[in-house]
């Protein structure tokens, strides 16, 4: 038994054995406009570049914030691990020095008033985090 092939302009579904032109999401008659794929490579390239620049800017912003936090962590660890025999007050400025054994110690004495190896000045904030002050 041979099947007759339908002409190309007739939309016939071999599986369902039905004419289903009205069910297609595209035009099927001969007079319908042809379907053409648009070239969107320039749009893609332009938007890829924009997105990459935006992501890179956000990355650099986060990296700078991370580096700042890591430096604060180092200072905080350095001050808390230093030697001091008093209870620091919140909001007061203290000065960090190295002694003759190169061990850090915290003092209330200004760097101008002594000749110790000066590391930096720090303030204890309300969150109990040591912040380095500008010298």
C-alpha atoms as a PDB file:
ATOM      1  CA  UNK A   1       0.000   0.000   0.000  1.00  0.00           C
ATOM      2  CA  UNK A   2       1.620   3.237  -1.095  1.00  0.00           C
ATOM      3  CA  UNK A   3       0.897   6.568   0.535  1.00  0.00           C
ATOM      4  CA  UNK A   4       0.369   9.538  -1.641  1.00  0.00           C
ATOM      5  CA  UNK A   5       2.534  12.490  -0.723  1.00  0.00           C
ATOM      6  CA  UNK A   6       0.581  15.725  -0.327  1.00  0.00           C
ATOM      7  CA  UNK A   7       1.814  18.831  -2.152  1.00  0.00           C
ATOM      8  CA  UNK A   8       4.126  21.146  -0.183  1.00  0.00           C
ATOM      9  CA  UNK A   9       1.517  23.900   0.231  1.00  0.00           C
ATOM     10  CA  UNK A  10      -0.851  21.525   2.060  1.00  0.00           C
ATOM     11  CA  UNK A  11      -0.215  21.151   5.798  1.00  0.00           C
ATOM     12  CA  UNK A  12      -0.994  17.550   6.677  1.00  0.00           C
ATOM     13  CA  UNK A  13       0.230  15.856   9.840  1.00  0.00           C
ATOM     14  CA  UNK A  14       1.258  12.285   9.069  1.00  0.00           C
ATOM     15  CA  UNK A  15       1.133  11.186  12.719  1.00  0.00           C
ATOM     16  CA  UNK A  16      -2.410  12.354  13.438  1.00  0.00           C
ATOM     17  CA  UNK A  17      -3.648  12.002   9.861  1.00  0.00           C
ATOM     18  CA  UNK A  18      -5.234  15.474  10.037  1.00  0.00           C
ATOM     19  CA  UNK A  19      -4.933  18.833   8.330  1.00  0.00           C
ATOM     20  CA  UNK A  20      -3.597  21.120  11.060  1.00  0.00           C
ATOM     21  CA  UNK A  21      -2.654  24.407   9.369  1.00  0.00           C
ATOM     22  CA  UNK A  22      -4.877  26.358  11.765  1.00  0.00           C
ATOM     23  CA  UNK A  23      -3.014  24.926  14.781  1.00  0.00           C
ATOM     24  CA  UNK A  24       0.466  26.099  13.718  1.00  0.00           C
ATOM     25  CA  UNK A  25       1.959  29.173  15.448  1.00  0.00           C
ATOM     26  CA  UNK A  26       3.147  30.470  12.073  1.00  0.00           C
ATOM     27  CA  UNK A  27       1.559  31.208   8.716  1.00  0.00           C
ATOM     28  CA  UNK A  28       1.412  28.182   6.392  1.00  0.00           C
ATOM     29  CA  UNK A  29      -0.046  29.429   3.136  1.00  0.00           C
ATOM     30  CA  UNK A  30       1.987  30.301   0.067  1.00  0.00           C
ATOM     31  CA  UNK A  31       1.180  34.034   0.260  1.00  0.00           C
ATOM     32  CA  UNK A  32       2.380  34.410   3.875  1.00  0.00           C
ATOM     33  CA  UNK A  33       5.545  36.419   4.512  1.00  0.00           C
ATOM     34  CA  UNK A  34       8.673  34.333   4.788  1.00  0.00           C
ATOM     35  CA  UNK A  35      10.179  33.708   8.199  1.00  0.00           C
ATOM     36  CA  UNK A  36      13.618  35.252   8.448  1.00  0.00           C
ATOM     37  CA  UNK A  37      16.029  34.995  11.353  1.00  0.00           C
ATOM     38  CA  UNK A  38      17.206  38.439  12.398  1.00  0.00           C
ATOM     39  CA  UNK A  39      20.869  39.079  13.060  1.00  0.00           C
ATOM     40  CA  UNK A  40      21.111  40.095  16.703  1.00  0.00           C
ATOM     41  CA  UNK A  41      24.865  39.660  17.116  1.00  0.00           C
ATOM     42  CA  UNK A  42      25.500  43.417  17.486  1.00  0.00           C
ATOM     43  CA  UNK A  43      22.802  43.662  20.154  1.00  0.00           C
ATOM     44  CA  UNK A  44      24.311  40.686  21.983  1.00  0.00           C
ATOM     45  CA  UNK A  45      27.839  42.072  21.785  1.00  0.00           C
ATOM     46  CA  UNK A  46      26.787  45.519  22.993  1.00  0.00           C
ATOM     47  CA  UNK A  47      24.813  44.136  25.934  1.00  0.00           C
ATOM     48  CA  UNK A  48      27.476  41.578  26.836  1.00  0.00           C
ATOM     49  CA  UNK A  49      30.015  44.410  27.067  1.00  0.00           C
ATOM     50  CA  UNK A  50      27.652  46.505  29.199  1.00  0.00           C
ATOM     51  CA  UNK A  51      26.887  43.599  31.521  1.00  0.00           C
ATOM     52  CA  UNK A  52      30.556  42.652  31.845  1.00  0.00           C
ATOM     53  CA  UNK A  53      31.531  46.242  32.699  1.00  0.00           C
ATOM     54  CA  UNK A  54      28.781  46.436  35.300  1.00  0.00           C
ATOM     55  CA  UNK A  55      29.794  43.100  36.861  1.00  0.00           C
ATOM     56  CA  UNK A  56      33.481  44.077  36.853  1.00  0.00           C
ATOM     57  CA  UNK A  57      32.697  47.421  38.523  1.00  0.00           C
ATOM     58  CA  UNK A  58      30.678  45.644  41.216  1.00  0.00           C
ATOM     59  CA  UNK A  59      33.504  43.115  41.688  1.00  0.00           C
ATOM     60  CA  UNK A  60      36.097  45.882  42.107  1.00  0.00           C
ATOM     61  CA  UNK A  61      33.811  47.652  44.582  1.00  0.00           C
ATOM     62  CA  UNK A  62      33.365  44.471  46.626  1.00  0.00           C
ATOM     63  CA  UNK A  63      37.087  43.685  46.439  1.00  0.00           C
ATOM     64  CA  UNK A  64      37.972  47.154  47.748  1.00  0.00           C
ATOM     65  CA  UNK A  65      35.487  46.710  50.599  1.00  0.00           C
ATOM     66  CA  UNK A  66      36.931  43.251  51.343  1.00  0.00           C
ATOM     67  CA  UNK A  67      40.502  44.609  51.378  1.00  0.00           C
ATOM     68  CA  UNK A  68      39.424  47.375  53.751  1.00  0.00           C
ATOM     69  CA  UNK A  69      37.753  44.848  56.070  1.00  0.00           C
ATOM     70  CA  UNK A  70      40.826  42.605  56.037  1.00  0.00           C
ATOM     71  CA  UNK A  71      43.038  45.557  56.981  1.00  0.00           C
ATOM     72  CA  UNK A  72      40.638  46.442  59.823  1.00  0.00           C
ATOM     73  CA  UNK A  73      40.782  42.805  60.962  1.00  0.00           C
ATOM     74  CA  UNK A  74      44.592  42.878  60.988  1.00  0.00           C
ATOM     75  CA  UNK A  75      44.670  46.107  63.013  1.00  0.00           C
ATOM     76  CA  UNK A  76      42.008  44.824  65.400  1.00  0.00           C
ATOM     77  CA  UNK A  77      43.913  41.564  65.927  1.00  0.00           C
ATOM     78  CA  UNK A  78      47.196  43.427  66.382  1.00  0.00           C
ATOM     79  CA  UNK A  79      45.781  45.765  69.051  1.00  0.00           C
ATOM     80  CA  UNK A  80      43.852  43.070  70.923  1.00  0.00           C
ATOM     81  CA  UNK A  81      46.950  40.821  70.975  1.00  0.00           C
ATOM     82  CA  UNK A  82      49.184  43.637  72.211  1.00  0.00           C
ATOM     83  CA  UNK A  83      50.168  44.078  75.846  1.00  0.00           C
ATOM     84  CA  UNK A  84      48.293  46.601  78.010  1.00  0.00           C
ATOM     85  CA  UNK A  85      47.479  46.755  81.715  1.00  0.00           C
ATOM     86  CA  UNK A  86      44.433  49.014  81.659  1.00  0.00           C
ATOM     87  CA  UNK A  87      40.869  48.792  80.428  1.00  0.00           C
ATOM     88  CA  UNK A  88      40.531  50.920  77.279  1.00  0.00           C
ATOM     89  CA  UNK A  89      37.582  53.310  77.155  1.00  0.00           C
ATOM     90  CA  UNK A  90      35.302  53.554  74.149  1.00  0.00           C
ATOM     91  CA  UNK A  91      35.982  56.644  72.055  1.00  0.00           C
ATOM     92  CA  UNK A  92      39.468  57.309  73.476  1.00  0.00           C
ATOM     93  CA  UNK A  93      42.624  57.351  71.362  1.00  0.00           C
ATOM     94  CA  UNK A  94      45.447  54.975  72.254  1.00  0.00           C
ATOM     95  CA  UNK A  95      48.873  54.537  70.696  1.00  0.00           C
ATOM     96  CA  UNK A  96      50.504  51.279  69.710  1.00  0.00           C
ATOM     97  CA  UNK A  97      54.276  50.815  69.997  1.00  0.00           C
ATOM     98  CA  UNK A  98      56.882  48.042  69.810  1.00  0.00           C
ATOM     99  CA  UNK A  99      59.148  47.462  72.752  1.00  0.00           C
ATOM    100  CA  UNK A 100      62.825  46.370  72.681  1.00  0.00           C
ATOM    101  CA  UNK A 101      61.738  42.757  72.146  1.00  0.00           C
ATOM    102  CA  UNK A 102      59.599  43.854  69.125  1.00  0.00           C
ATOM    103  CA  UNK A 103      56.399  42.994  70.993  1.00  0.00           C
ATOM    104  CA  UNK A 104      53.479  45.420  70.579  1.00  0.00           C
ATOM    105  CA  UNK A 105      52.085  47.308  73.557  1.00  0.00           C
ATOM    106  CA  UNK A 106      49.284  49.841  73.900  1.00  0.00           C
ATOM    107  CA  UNK A 107      49.807  53.156  75.658  1.00  0.00           C
ATOM    108  CA  UNK A 108      48.082  56.465  76.358  1.00  0.00           C
ATOM    109  CA  UNK A 109      51.347  58.365  75.793  1.00  0.00           C
ATOM    110  CA  UNK A 110      51.498  60.432  72.589  1.00  0.00           C
ATOM    111  CA  UNK A 111      54.186  59.532  70.021  1.00  0.00           C
ATOM    112  CA  UNK A 112      55.656  63.056  70.400  1.00  0.00           C
ATOM    113  CA  UNK A 113      56.229  62.477  74.130  1.00  0.00           C
ATOM    114  CA  UNK A 114      58.273  59.264  73.841  1.00  0.00           C
ATOM    115  CA  UNK A 115      60.837  57.562  71.647  1.00  0.00           C
ATOM    116  CA  UNK A 116      59.342  54.073  71.303  1.00  0.00           C
ATOM    117  CA  UNK A 117      58.903  52.352  67.925  1.00  0.00           C
ATOM    118  CA  UNK A 118      55.542  53.846  66.923  1.00  0.00           C
ATOM    119  CA  UNK A 119      53.085  51.624  64.965  1.00  0.00           C
ATOM    120  CA  UNK A 120      49.938  53.744  64.934  1.00  0.00           C
ATOM    121  CA  UNK A 121      47.104  55.350  66.876  1.00  0.00           C
ATOM    122  CA  UNK A 122      43.780  53.607  67.388  1.00  0.00           C
ATOM    123  CA  UNK A 123      40.316  54.405  68.727  1.00  0.00           C
ATOM    124  CA  UNK A 124      38.043  51.803  70.302  1.00  0.00           C
ATOM    125  CA  UNK A 125      34.574  52.312  68.803  1.00  0.00           C
ATOM    126  CA  UNK A 126      31.184  51.425  70.314  1.00  0.00           C
ATOM    127  CA  UNK A 127      31.243  48.020  68.612  1.00  0.00           C
ATOM    128  CA  UNK A 128      34.518  47.279  70.451  1.00  0.00           C
ATOM    129  CA  UNK A 129      36.482  47.354  67.205  1.00  0.00           C
ATOM    130  CA  UNK A 130      39.808  49.138  67.037  1.00  0.00           C
ATOM    131  CA  UNK A 131      39.921  51.703  64.204  1.00  0.00           C
ATOM    132  CA  UNK A 132      43.203  53.172  63.034  1.00  0.00           C
ATOM    133  CA  UNK A 133      43.249  56.972  63.142  1.00  0.00           C
ATOM    134  CA  UNK A 134      44.914  59.169  60.566  1.00  0.00           C
ATOM    135  CA  UNK A 135      48.353  60.221  61.769  1.00  0.00           C
END
